[in-house]
């Protein structure tokens, strides 16, 4: 029985080889020199097209890599913090400036909740910021403060929106500490100037009153008042 199966298999193979030989012979019929040249030309054209497509792919890949490299440089070394937050406020990704804001290595900050670095009074502000960003799906802003060493406070303006898939919150963090200090100094200077000018005006009025009293008593003016 086994020998019969082997014989049938060999017979089937012989028939297949014979059929292939016939079909090959048919395909060679009428294949003259012009046909060979035409087929060869088509093959050469197709090969050149493939080479050109490959060159375009290589060029596109190089451009994409160059753009990606520029993006990474801009992202990492921009003078502003960039954070990617999860729905819970965890840090998924951040740039170098962002890690400097928090005073830790980027790898140490991954998956840590951002509110761990915020002063207690502002933790709820950050939570509301995340909630509003996800709910409104529009650009939201808030201001929070980060405690530094020696009791120094750094004030940060957060501006962000969620990704198209609604999974993450992309946030830019701008340090506005110096700006707020400048505004405070400006207000204090204006208040001081206002006080100083008011005091000077009062002195002028007092001098006028003294001169008037002196004149009423037949005495000369004591203060030259313009």
Protein backbone atom coordinates (compact mmCIF):
# COMPACT_ATOMS: atom_id res chain seq x y z
CA UNK A 1 0.00 0.00 0.00
CA UNK A 2 2.85 2.28 0.88
CA UNK A 3 4.68 1.52 -2.36
CA UNK A 4 1.49 2.25 -4.32
CA UNK A 5 1.16 5.71 -2.77
CA UNK A 6 4.80 6.47 -3.56
CA UNK A 7 4.28 5.35 -7.15
CA UNK A 8 1.21 7.59 -7.52
CA UNK A 9 3.11 10.58 -6.14
CA UNK A 10 5.96 10.06 -8.59
CA UNK A 11 3.53 9.68 -11.46
CA UNK A 12 1.77 12.93 -10.49
CA UNK A 13 5.11 14.74 -10.35
CA UNK A 14 6.06 13.40 -13.82
CA UNK A 15 2.75 14.64 -15.25
CA UNK A 16 3.25 18.08 -13.68
CA UNK A 17 6.75 18.36 -15.10
CA UNK A 18 5.50 17.32 -18.54
CA UNK A 19 2.72 19.94 -18.42
CA UNK A 20 5.18 22.63 -17.37
CA UNK A 21 7.45 21.73 -20.25
CA UNK A 22 4.55 22.05 -22.72
CA UNK A 23 3.45 25.43 -21.35
CA UNK A 24 7.03 26.68 -21.40
CA UNK A 25 7.36 25.59 -25.01
CA UNK A 26 4.11 27.41 -25.88
CA UNK A 27 5.29 30.61 -24.26
CA UNK A 28 8.46 30.60 -26.36
CA UNK A 29 6.53 30.38 -29.61
CA UNK A 30 6.71 33.66 -31.56
CA UNK A 31 9.17 35.28 -29.14
CA UNK A 32 11.34 37.06 -31.68
CA UNK A 33 14.21 39.50 -31.19
CA UNK A 34 11.91 42.57 -31.16
CA UNK A 35 9.84 41.05 -28.38
CA UNK A 36 12.95 40.38 -26.36
CA UNK A 37 14.15 43.96 -26.84
CA UNK A 38 10.75 45.36 -25.88
CA UNK A 39 10.54 43.23 -22.73
CA UNK A 40 14.11 44.15 -21.82
CA UNK A 41 13.29 47.85 -22.31
CA UNK A 42 10.22 47.55 -20.07
CA UNK A 43 12.29 45.84 -17.41
CA UNK A 44 14.94 48.58 -17.55
CA UNK A 45 12.31 51.34 -17.33
CA UNK A 46 10.66 49.58 -14.39
CA UNK A 47 14.01 49.20 -12.66
CA UNK A 48 14.78 52.92 -13.12
CA UNK A 49 11.34 53.80 -11.74
CA UNK A 50 11.98 51.66 -8.68
CA UNK A 51 15.40 53.29 -8.19
CA UNK A 52 13.84 56.76 -8.45
CA UNK A 53 11.11 55.83 -5.98
CA UNK A 54 13.74 54.48 -3.62
CA UNK A 55 15.73 57.74 -3.88
CA UNK A 56 12.57 59.73 -3.09
CA UNK A 57 11.87 57.52 -0.08
CA UNK A 58 15.44 57.95 1.18
CA UNK A 59 15.19 61.74 0.71
CA UNK A 60 11.81 61.87 2.48
CA UNK A 61 13.22 59.79 5.34
CA UNK A 62 16.23 62.11 5.70
CA UNK A 63 13.93 65.16 5.72
CA UNK A 64 11.68 63.57 8.33
CA UNK A 65 14.68 62.74 10.52
CA UNK A 66 16.02 66.30 10.15
CA UNK A 67 12.65 67.81 11.09
CA UNK A 68 12.33 65.40 14.03
CA UNK A 69 15.81 66.35 15.23
CA UNK A 70 15.00 70.07 15.04
CA UNK A 71 11.72 69.48 16.89
CA UNK A 72 13.51 67.57 19.65
CA UNK A 73 16.08 70.37 20.03
CA UNK A 74 13.33 73.03 20.14
CA UNK A 75 11.30 70.96 22.59
CA UNK A 76 14.15 70.14 24.97
CA UNK A 77 16.03 73.43 24.96
CA UNK A 78 13.19 75.94 24.68
CA UNK A 79 13.17 78.60 27.46
CA UNK A 80 9.78 77.35 28.59
CA UNK A 81 8.61 74.18 30.30
CA UNK A 82 6.64 71.62 28.29
CA UNK A 83 4.66 68.91 30.09
CA UNK A 84 2.39 66.09 29.01
CA UNK A 85 -0.08 65.24 31.79
CA UNK A 86 -2.39 62.27 32.17
CA UNK A 87 -6.02 62.65 33.23
CA UNK A 88 -4.85 62.23 36.84
CA UNK A 89 -2.19 64.96 36.49
CA UNK A 90 0.76 62.56 36.26
CA UNK A 91 3.82 63.65 34.27
CA UNK A 92 4.02 61.50 31.12
CA UNK A 93 6.65 63.56 29.32
CA UNK A 94 8.58 66.80 29.89
CA UNK A 95 11.48 68.77 28.46
CA UNK A 96 14.76 69.86 30.04
CA UNK A 97 13.49 73.28 31.12
CA UNK A 98 10.47 71.67 32.75
CA UNK A 99 12.69 69.38 34.81
CA UNK A 100 14.80 72.38 35.84
CA UNK A 101 11.64 74.09 37.10
CA UNK A 102 11.00 71.14 39.40
CA UNK A 103 14.66 70.73 40.32
CA UNK A 104 14.91 67.04 39.45
CA UNK A 105 16.24 64.75 36.72
CA UNK A 106 13.66 64.09 33.94
CA UNK A 107 13.79 60.33 34.56
CA UNK A 108 13.00 60.88 38.23
CA UNK A 109 9.90 62.89 37.34
CA UNK A 110 8.25 60.40 34.99
CA UNK A 111 4.79 59.28 36.18
CA UNK A 112 4.95 61.50 39.28
CA UNK A 113 1.91 63.65 39.96
CA UNK A 114 2.59 67.32 39.26
CA UNK A 115 0.68 68.52 42.31
CA UNK A 116 3.43 67.02 44.51
CA UNK A 117 5.56 70.01 43.53
CA UNK A 118 2.91 72.70 44.03
CA UNK A 119 2.36 74.67 47.23
CA UNK A 120 -0.59 73.36 49.22
CA UNK A 121 -2.72 76.44 48.59
CA UNK A 122 -2.54 75.92 44.80
CA UNK A 123 -3.01 72.14 44.53
CA UNK A 124 -6.76 72.48 43.99
CA UNK A 125 -6.15 75.10 41.29
CA UNK A 126 -4.10 72.57 39.32
CA UNK A 127 -6.73 69.85 39.74
CA UNK A 128 -9.42 72.21 38.44
CA UNK A 129 -7.16 73.19 35.53
CA UNK A 130 -6.78 69.54 34.47
CA UNK A 131 -10.54 68.92 34.86
CA UNK A 132 -11.53 72.00 32.84
CA UNK A 133 -9.02 71.17 30.08
CA UNK A 134 -10.45 67.69 29.59
CA UNK A 135 -14.07 68.78 29.93
CA UNK A 136 -14.00 71.91 27.76
CA UNK A 137 -11.53 70.51 25.19
CA UNK A 138 -10.31 74.07 24.69
CA UNK A 139 -7.25 76.05 25.79
CA UNK A 140 -7.23 76.64 29.54
CA UNK A 141 -4.85 78.60 31.78
CA UNK A 142 -4.08 78.88 35.46
CA UNK A 143 -1.34 80.19 37.74
CA UNK A 144 0.30 78.01 40.38
CA UNK A 145 3.33 78.40 42.63
CA UNK A 146 6.25 76.06 43.20
CA UNK A 147 8.20 76.16 46.48
CA UNK A 148 11.98 76.40 46.13
CA UNK A 149 14.79 76.28 48.66
CA UNK A 150 15.09 78.96 51.35
CA UNK A 151 11.36 79.65 51.20
CA UNK A 152 11.52 81.18 47.71
CA UNK A 153 8.36 80.80 45.61
CA UNK A 154 8.38 80.42 41.82
CA UNK A 155 5.16 81.50 40.08
CA UNK A 156 4.21 79.52 36.97
CA UNK A 157 1.57 80.22 34.32
CA UNK A 158 0.15 76.99 32.84
CA UNK A 159 -1.50 76.96 29.41
CA UNK A 160 -2.70 73.75 27.83
CA UNK A 161 -5.15 71.68 25.81
CA UNK A 162 -5.84 67.98 25.36
CA UNK A 163 -4.55 65.84 22.49
CA UNK A 164 -6.87 64.92 19.59
CA UNK A 165 -7.46 61.47 21.04
CA UNK A 166 -8.44 63.08 24.35
CA UNK A 167 -5.88 61.04 26.24
CA UNK A 168 -3.29 63.60 27.39
CA UNK A 169 -3.07 67.27 28.37
CA UNK A 170 -0.28 69.17 26.62
CA UNK A 171 0.85 72.08 28.80
CA UNK A 172 3.30 74.96 28.45
CA UNK A 173 4.68 76.28 31.74
CA UNK A 174 5.95 79.86 31.77
CA UNK A 175 7.92 81.21 34.72
CA UNK A 176 6.38 84.63 35.48
CA UNK A 177 8.11 85.20 38.83
CA UNK A 178 10.22 88.10 37.58
CA UNK A 179 7.26 89.63 35.75
CA UNK A 180 5.11 89.56 38.87
CA UNK A 181 7.95 91.00 40.93
CA UNK A 182 8.41 93.78 38.37
CA UNK A 183 4.68 94.55 38.47
CA UNK A 184 4.79 94.59 42.26
CA UNK A 185 7.83 96.89 42.25
CA UNK A 186 6.12 99.17 39.73
CA UNK A 187 2.99 99.43 41.88
CA UNK A 188 5.06 100.15 44.97
CA UNK A 189 7.03 102.81 43.11
CA UNK A 190 3.81 104.42 41.89
CA UNK A 191 2.44 104.39 45.43
CA UNK A 192 5.65 105.94 46.75
CA UNK A 193 5.61 108.62 44.04
CA UNK A 194 1.99 109.35 44.79
CA UNK A 195 2.76 109.67 48.51
CA UNK A 196 5.86 111.79 47.86
CA UNK A 197 4.06 114.15 45.45
CA UNK A 198 1.11 114.46 47.85
CA UNK A 199 3.50 115.25 50.68
CA UNK A 200 5.27 117.93 48.61
CA UNK A 201 1.94 119.52 47.66
CA UNK A 202 0.95 119.59 51.33
CA UNK A 203 4.26 121.28 52.22
CA UNK A 204 3.60 123.96 49.61
CA UNK A 205 0.15 124.57 51.05
CA UNK A 206 1.55 124.83 54.60
CA UNK A 207 4.17 127.35 53.45
CA UNK A 208 1.45 129.46 51.85
CA UNK A 209 -0.61 129.36 55.05
CA UNK A 210 2.41 130.43 57.15
CA UNK A 211 3.16 133.32 54.76
CA UNK A 212 -0.46 134.45 54.93
CA UNK A 213 -0.42 134.43 58.74
CA UNK A 214 2.85 136.41 58.77
CA UNK A 215 1.41 138.98 56.39
CA UNK A 216 -1.71 139.38 58.51
CA UNK A 217 0.51 140.16 61.45
CA UNK A 218 2.51 142.71 59.46
CA UNK A 219 5.53 140.53 59.02
CA UNK A 220 7.43 139.60 55.90
CA UNK A 221 6.90 136.31 54.09
CA UNK A 222 9.18 133.56 55.29
CA UNK A 223 8.92 131.13 52.37
CA UNK A 224 9.28 131.91 48.68
CA UNK A 225 6.29 130.22 47.08
CA UNK A 226 5.93 130.14 43.30
